[in-house]
Amino acid sequence: MRTDDTWLERQFHYCDKLGMALPRLESDWEELGRERQIAILARWETIRGTIPDRIMRLEAVIRIKQQQLFEEEDFVRSCEINGRIAELASQINDLNIWFRARQELEGDVKSHSG
C-alpha cells in the first residue's frame, strides 16, 4: 500500500453503530492541499454511495419489528422491540445526515479552490 493510500485510510474511521467508515480528518480541511481534498472526497463518495441501500435495509427491519410489536402481547418484550425500532430509526437519521455531508465537503473544496 502506498503512503498516500495509508494516509487516506487514516482520514476515515469505522463506526460500529452505522456499520461504515466515516470521515475523521487528521488536519483541518483548509490545511489540506486540493489533491488531498479531492482524494478524501472520492473515497467518501464511494462510501456515501452505500448509504441509500443501508437505509432501505434498516427500514425493512423496522417494518418487521413494527409487525412484531403489533402482535406482541408481553409488555416487557414490546418495550424491547420498541427500543430496537428507536435504535434503527436513530441509525437512519444519522445515515441521512452523513449522506448530506458530501455536499458540504464539496462546497468547501469549490469555495477554497478559486
N, C-alpha and C. Protein backbone atom coordinates (compact mmCIF):
# COMPACT_ATOMS: atom_id res chain seq x y z
N MET A 1 0.84 -1.18 0.00
CA MET A 1 0.00 0.00 0.00
C MET A 1 0.89 1.25 0.00
N ARG A 2 0.59 2.19 -0.87
CA ARG A 2 1.37 3.42 -0.93
C ARG A 2 1.12 4.28 0.30
N THR A 3 2.07 5.18 0.56
CA THR A 3 1.93 6.09 1.70
C THR A 3 0.66 6.91 1.59
N ASP A 4 0.36 7.40 0.41
CA ASP A 4 -0.86 8.19 0.22
C ASP A 4 -2.11 7.38 0.54
N ASP A 5 -2.10 6.09 0.17
CA ASP A 5 -3.23 5.22 0.48
C ASP A 5 -3.38 5.05 1.99
N THR A 6 -2.25 4.88 2.67
CA THR A 6 -2.29 4.76 4.12
C THR A 6 -2.80 6.05 4.74
N TRP A 7 -2.31 7.17 4.26
CA TRP A 7 -2.77 8.47 4.76
C TRP A 7 -4.28 8.60 4.55
N LEU A 8 -4.75 8.24 3.37
CA LEU A 8 -6.18 8.37 3.06
C LEU A 8 -7.01 7.48 3.98
N GLU A 9 -6.58 6.27 4.21
CA GLU A 9 -7.31 5.37 5.11
C GLU A 9 -7.39 5.93 6.52
N ARG A 10 -6.36 6.64 6.97
CA ARG A 10 -6.37 7.23 8.32
C ARG A 10 -7.36 8.38 8.44
N GLN A 11 -7.84 8.89 7.33
CA GLN A 11 -8.78 10.01 7.36
C GLN A 11 -10.21 9.54 7.61
N PHE A 12 -10.39 8.23 7.75
CA PHE A 12 -11.70 7.62 7.98
C PHE A 12 -11.60 6.65 9.14
N HIS A 13 -12.67 6.53 9.91
CA HIS A 13 -12.72 5.55 10.99
C HIS A 13 -14.01 4.76 10.88
N TYR A 14 -13.96 3.52 11.30
CA TYR A 14 -15.13 2.65 11.23
C TYR A 14 -16.06 2.94 12.39
N CYS A 15 -17.31 3.19 12.07
CA CYS A 15 -18.35 3.46 13.08
C CYS A 15 -19.18 2.19 13.24
N ASP A 16 -19.09 1.57 14.40
CA ASP A 16 -19.85 0.34 14.66
C ASP A 16 -21.35 0.58 14.56
N LYS A 17 -21.82 1.70 15.07
CA LYS A 17 -23.26 1.98 15.07
C LYS A 17 -23.82 2.01 13.66
N LEU A 18 -23.10 2.61 12.73
CA LEU A 18 -23.60 2.74 11.36
C LEU A 18 -23.06 1.66 10.43
N GLY A 19 -22.05 0.92 10.88
CA GLY A 19 -21.51 -0.15 10.08
C GLY A 19 -20.77 0.33 8.84
N MET A 20 -20.10 1.47 8.96
CA MET A 20 -19.38 2.02 7.81
C MET A 20 -18.29 2.97 8.29
N ALA A 21 -17.35 3.27 7.40
CA ALA A 21 -16.29 4.22 7.70
C ALA A 21 -16.82 5.63 7.54
N LEU A 22 -16.40 6.51 8.44
CA LEU A 22 -16.80 7.92 8.40
C LEU A 22 -15.55 8.80 8.40
N PRO A 23 -15.66 9.98 7.81
CA PRO A 23 -14.51 10.89 7.80
C PRO A 23 -14.10 11.30 9.22
N ARG A 24 -12.80 11.30 9.46
CA ARG A 24 -12.22 11.82 10.69
C ARG A 24 -10.84 12.35 10.30
N LEU A 25 -10.82 13.56 9.86
CA LEU A 25 -9.60 14.14 9.30
C LEU A 25 -8.57 14.41 10.38
N GLU A 26 -7.31 14.15 10.04
CA GLU A 26 -6.21 14.41 10.95
C GLU A 26 -5.82 15.89 10.97
N SER A 27 -6.21 16.60 9.92
CA SER A 27 -5.90 18.03 9.80
C SER A 27 -7.18 18.79 9.47
N ASP A 28 -7.14 20.09 9.68
CA ASP A 28 -8.27 20.91 9.25
C ASP A 28 -8.39 20.84 7.74
N TRP A 29 -9.61 20.87 7.26
CA TRP A 29 -9.89 20.80 5.83
C TRP A 29 -9.11 21.85 5.05
N GLU A 30 -9.07 23.06 5.59
CA GLU A 30 -8.40 24.17 4.91
C GLU A 30 -6.89 23.96 4.78
N GLU A 31 -6.32 23.15 5.68
CA GLU A 31 -4.88 22.89 5.66
C GLU A 31 -4.48 21.83 4.64
N LEU A 32 -5.46 21.10 4.14
CA LEU A 32 -5.18 20.05 3.17
C LEU A 32 -5.03 20.65 1.78
N GLY A 33 -4.12 20.12 1.02
CA GLY A 33 -3.99 20.56 -0.37
C GLY A 33 -5.18 20.09 -1.18
N ARG A 34 -5.38 20.73 -2.30
CA ARG A 34 -6.52 20.39 -3.16
C ARG A 34 -6.49 18.92 -3.57
N GLU A 35 -5.31 18.38 -3.87
CA GLU A 35 -5.20 16.98 -4.27
C GLU A 35 -5.68 16.04 -3.16
N ARG A 36 -5.31 16.34 -1.94
CA ARG A 36 -5.76 15.51 -0.81
C ARG A 36 -7.26 15.69 -0.55
N GLN A 37 -7.75 16.91 -0.70
CA GLN A 37 -9.19 17.13 -0.55
C GLN A 37 -9.97 16.29 -1.56
N ILE A 38 -9.50 16.29 -2.79
CA ILE A 38 -10.16 15.53 -3.85
C ILE A 38 -10.10 14.03 -3.54
N ALA A 39 -8.97 13.55 -3.03
CA ALA A 39 -8.84 12.14 -2.68
C ALA A 39 -9.83 11.76 -1.57
N ILE A 40 -9.96 12.62 -0.59
CA ILE A 40 -10.92 12.37 0.50
C ILE A 40 -12.33 12.35 -0.05
N LEU A 41 -12.65 13.31 -0.90
CA LEU A 41 -14.00 13.37 -1.48
C LEU A 41 -14.30 12.13 -2.32
N ALA A 42 -13.32 11.65 -3.09
CA ALA A 42 -13.53 10.46 -3.91
C ALA A 42 -13.79 9.24 -3.03
N ARG A 43 -12.99 9.10 -1.97
CA ARG A 43 -13.20 7.97 -1.04
C ARG A 43 -14.54 8.09 -0.36
N TRP A 44 -14.90 9.29 0.08
CA TRP A 44 -16.18 9.50 0.75
C TRP A 44 -17.34 9.22 -0.20
N GLU A 45 -17.21 9.60 -1.45
CA GLU A 45 -18.28 9.36 -2.42
C GLU A 45 -18.54 7.86 -2.58
N THR A 46 -17.48 7.06 -2.57
CA THR A 46 -17.64 5.61 -2.65
C THR A 46 -18.39 5.09 -1.43
N ILE A 47 -17.99 5.55 -0.26
CA ILE A 47 -18.66 5.13 0.98
C ILE A 47 -20.09 5.65 0.99
N ARG A 48 -20.26 6.91 0.68
CA ARG A 48 -21.56 7.57 0.70
C ARG A 48 -22.56 6.87 -0.22
N GLY A 49 -22.07 6.34 -1.32
CA GLY A 49 -22.93 5.66 -2.28
C GLY A 49 -23.63 4.44 -1.71
N THR A 50 -23.12 3.90 -0.61
CA THR A 50 -23.74 2.73 0.02
C THR A 50 -24.88 3.11 0.97
N ILE A 51 -24.99 4.38 1.30
CA ILE A 51 -25.95 4.80 2.33
C ILE A 51 -27.40 4.54 1.95
N PRO A 52 -27.87 4.87 0.75
CA PRO A 52 -29.29 4.61 0.45
C PRO A 52 -29.68 3.13 0.60
N ASP A 53 -28.82 2.22 0.18
CA ASP A 53 -29.12 0.80 0.35
C ASP A 53 -29.15 0.41 1.82
N ARG A 54 -28.24 0.97 2.61
CA ARG A 54 -28.22 0.69 4.05
C ARG A 54 -29.52 1.17 4.68
N ILE A 55 -29.97 2.36 4.28
CA ILE A 55 -31.23 2.90 4.82
C ILE A 55 -32.40 2.00 4.46
N MET A 56 -32.45 1.55 3.21
CA MET A 56 -33.56 0.68 2.80
C MET A 56 -33.57 -0.63 3.59
N ARG A 57 -32.38 -1.19 3.86
CA ARG A 57 -32.32 -2.42 4.66
C ARG A 57 -32.80 -2.17 6.09
N LEU A 58 -32.41 -1.05 6.66
CA LEU A 58 -32.85 -0.73 8.02
C LEU A 58 -34.36 -0.48 8.07
N GLU A 59 -34.89 0.18 7.06
CA GLU A 59 -36.34 0.40 7.00
C GLU A 59 -37.10 -0.91 6.91
N ALA A 60 -36.55 -1.87 6.18
CA ALA A 60 -37.18 -3.19 6.08
C ALA A 60 -37.20 -3.88 7.44
N VAL A 61 -36.10 -3.76 8.18
CA VAL A 61 -36.05 -4.35 9.52
C VAL A 61 -37.06 -3.66 10.43
N ILE A 62 -37.19 -2.34 10.32
CA ILE A 62 -38.16 -1.61 11.13
C ILE A 62 -39.57 -2.11 10.85
N ARG A 63 -39.90 -2.32 9.58
CA ARG A 63 -41.24 -2.83 9.24
C ARG A 63 -41.50 -4.19 9.89
N ILE A 64 -40.50 -5.05 9.89
CA ILE A 64 -40.64 -6.36 10.54
C ILE A 64 -40.84 -6.18 12.04
N LYS A 65 -40.04 -5.31 12.64
CA LYS A 65 -40.16 -5.06 14.08
C LYS A 65 -41.52 -4.45 14.43
N GLN A 66 -42.02 -3.56 13.57
CA GLN A 66 -43.33 -2.97 13.83
C GLN A 66 -44.42 -4.04 13.80
N GLN A 67 -44.31 -4.99 12.89
CA GLN A 67 -45.27 -6.09 12.84
C GLN A 67 -45.16 -6.94 14.10
N GLN A 68 -43.93 -7.21 14.53
CA GLN A 68 -43.73 -7.97 15.77
C GLN A 68 -44.34 -7.22 16.95
N LEU A 69 -44.14 -5.92 16.98
CA LEU A 69 -44.68 -5.09 18.06
C LEU A 69 -46.21 -5.15 18.07
N PHE A 70 -46.79 -5.09 16.89
CA PHE A 70 -48.26 -5.15 16.76
C PHE A 70 -48.81 -6.46 17.31
N GLU A 71 -48.05 -7.54 17.11
CA GLU A 71 -48.52 -8.87 17.51
C GLU A 71 -48.11 -9.24 18.94
N GLU A 72 -47.16 -8.51 19.51
CA GLU A 72 -46.62 -8.87 20.83
C GLU A 72 -47.60 -8.52 21.94
N GLU A 73 -47.81 -9.48 22.84
CA GLU A 73 -48.71 -9.26 23.97
C GLU A 73 -47.97 -9.01 25.27
N ASP A 74 -46.72 -9.43 25.34
CA ASP A 74 -45.92 -9.25 26.54
C ASP A 74 -45.38 -7.82 26.59
N PHE A 75 -45.67 -7.09 27.66
CA PHE A 75 -45.29 -5.68 27.76
C PHE A 75 -43.77 -5.49 27.72
N VAL A 76 -43.05 -6.30 28.47
CA VAL A 76 -41.59 -6.16 28.52
C VAL A 76 -41.00 -6.40 27.13
N ARG A 77 -41.46 -7.44 26.48
CA ARG A 77 -40.96 -7.72 25.13
C ARG A 77 -41.34 -6.60 24.17
N SER A 78 -42.53 -6.02 24.33
CA SER A 78 -42.95 -4.89 23.50
C SER A 78 -42.00 -3.70 23.68
N CYS A 79 -41.60 -3.47 24.91
CA CYS A 79 -40.66 -2.38 25.19
C CYS A 79 -39.32 -2.65 24.52
N GLU A 80 -38.87 -3.89 24.55
CA GLU A 80 -37.61 -4.25 23.90
C GLU A 80 -37.68 -4.03 22.39
N ILE A 81 -38.77 -4.46 21.80
CA ILE A 81 -38.94 -4.29 20.36
C ILE A 81 -39.00 -2.80 20.01
N ASN A 82 -39.74 -2.05 20.80
CA ASN A 82 -39.86 -0.62 20.57
C ASN A 82 -38.51 0.07 20.70
N GLY A 83 -37.71 -0.37 21.66
CA GLY A 83 -36.36 0.19 21.82
C GLY A 83 -35.49 -0.10 20.61
N ARG A 84 -35.61 -1.30 20.07
CA ARG A 84 -34.82 -1.66 18.88
C ARG A 84 -35.27 -0.82 17.68
N ILE A 85 -36.57 -0.58 17.56
CA ILE A 85 -37.08 0.28 16.48
C ILE A 85 -36.48 1.68 16.61
N ALA A 86 -36.43 2.20 17.83
CA ALA A 86 -35.85 3.53 18.06
C ALA A 86 -34.37 3.55 17.68
N GLU A 87 -33.63 2.50 18.01
CA GLU A 87 -32.21 2.42 17.63
C GLU A 87 -32.05 2.43 16.11
N LEU A 88 -32.87 1.66 15.42
CA LEU A 88 -32.81 1.60 13.96
C LEU A 88 -33.15 2.96 13.35
N ALA A 89 -34.17 3.61 13.90
CA ALA A 89 -34.55 4.93 13.41
C ALA A 89 -33.43 5.95 13.63
N SER A 90 -32.73 5.83 14.75
CA SER A 90 -31.60 6.71 15.02
C SER A 90 -30.48 6.47 14.00
N GLN A 91 -30.24 5.22 13.66
CA GLN A 91 -29.24 4.91 12.64
C GLN A 91 -29.62 5.53 11.29
N ILE A 92 -30.89 5.42 10.93
CA ILE A 92 -31.36 6.01 9.67
C ILE A 92 -31.16 7.52 9.69
N ASN A 93 -31.50 8.15 10.80
CA ASN A 93 -31.32 9.59 10.92
C ASN A 93 -29.84 9.97 10.74
N ASP A 94 -28.96 9.25 11.42
CA ASP A 94 -27.52 9.53 11.30
C ASP A 94 -27.03 9.30 9.87
N LEU A 95 -27.51 8.24 9.23
CA LEU A 95 -27.11 7.97 7.85
C LEU A 95 -27.57 9.08 6.91
N ASN A 96 -28.77 9.59 7.13
CA ASN A 96 -29.25 10.71 6.31
C ASN A 96 -28.39 11.95 6.50
N ILE A 97 -27.96 12.20 7.71
CA ILE A 97 -27.07 13.34 7.97
C ILE A 97 -25.75 13.15 7.24
N TRP A 98 -25.17 11.96 7.35
CA TRP A 98 -23.90 11.69 6.67
C TRP A 98 -24.06 11.71 5.15
N PHE A 99 -25.20 11.30 4.66
CA PHE A 99 -25.42 11.33 3.21
C PHE A 99 -25.36 12.77 2.69
N ARG A 100 -25.88 13.71 3.46
CA ARG A 100 -25.85 15.12 3.07
C ARG A 100 -24.47 15.75 3.25
N ALA A 101 -23.59 15.10 4.00
CA ALA A 101 -22.26 15.67 4.27
C ALA A 101 -21.44 15.84 3.01
N ARG A 102 -21.70 15.10 1.97
CA ARG A 102 -20.95 15.21 0.71
C ARG A 102 -21.08 16.61 0.13
N GLN A 103 -22.28 17.14 0.10
CA GLN A 103 -22.48 18.46 -0.46
C GLN A 103 -21.71 19.52 0.32
N GLU A 104 -21.65 19.38 1.63
CA GLU A 104 -20.92 20.35 2.45
C GLU A 104 -19.43 20.29 2.16
N LEU A 105 -18.87 19.08 2.09
CA LEU A 105 -17.45 18.94 1.80
C LEU A 105 -17.13 19.45 0.41
N GLU A 106 -17.96 19.10 -0.56
CA GLU A 106 -17.72 19.54 -1.93
C GLU A 106 -17.76 21.06 -2.03
N GLY A 107 -18.68 21.68 -1.30
CA GLY A 107 -18.76 23.13 -1.29
C GLY A 107 -17.49 23.75 -0.74
N ASP A 108 -16.90 23.11 0.28
CA ASP A 108 -15.64 23.59 0.84
C ASP A 108 -14.53 23.56 -0.21
N VAL A 109 -14.46 22.47 -0.96
CA VAL A 109 -13.41 22.36 -1.99
C VAL A 109 -13.59 23.45 -3.05
N LYS A 110 -14.81 23.64 -3.51
CA LYS A 110 -15.06 24.63 -4.54
C LYS A 110 -14.80 26.04 -4.05
N SER A 111 -15.18 26.33 -2.80
CA SER A 111 -15.02 27.70 -2.30
C SER A 111 -13.55 28.01 -2.02
N HIS A 112 -12.73 27.00 -1.78
CA HIS A 112 -11.32 27.23 -1.49
C HIS A 112 -10.41 27.03 -2.69
N SER A 113 -10.99 26.71 -3.83
CA SER A 113 -10.14 26.44 -5.00
C SER A 113 -10.02 27.63 -5.92
N GLY A 114 -10.75 28.68 -5.67
CA GLY A 114 -10.76 29.80 -6.57
C GLY A 114 -9.77 30.79 -6.26
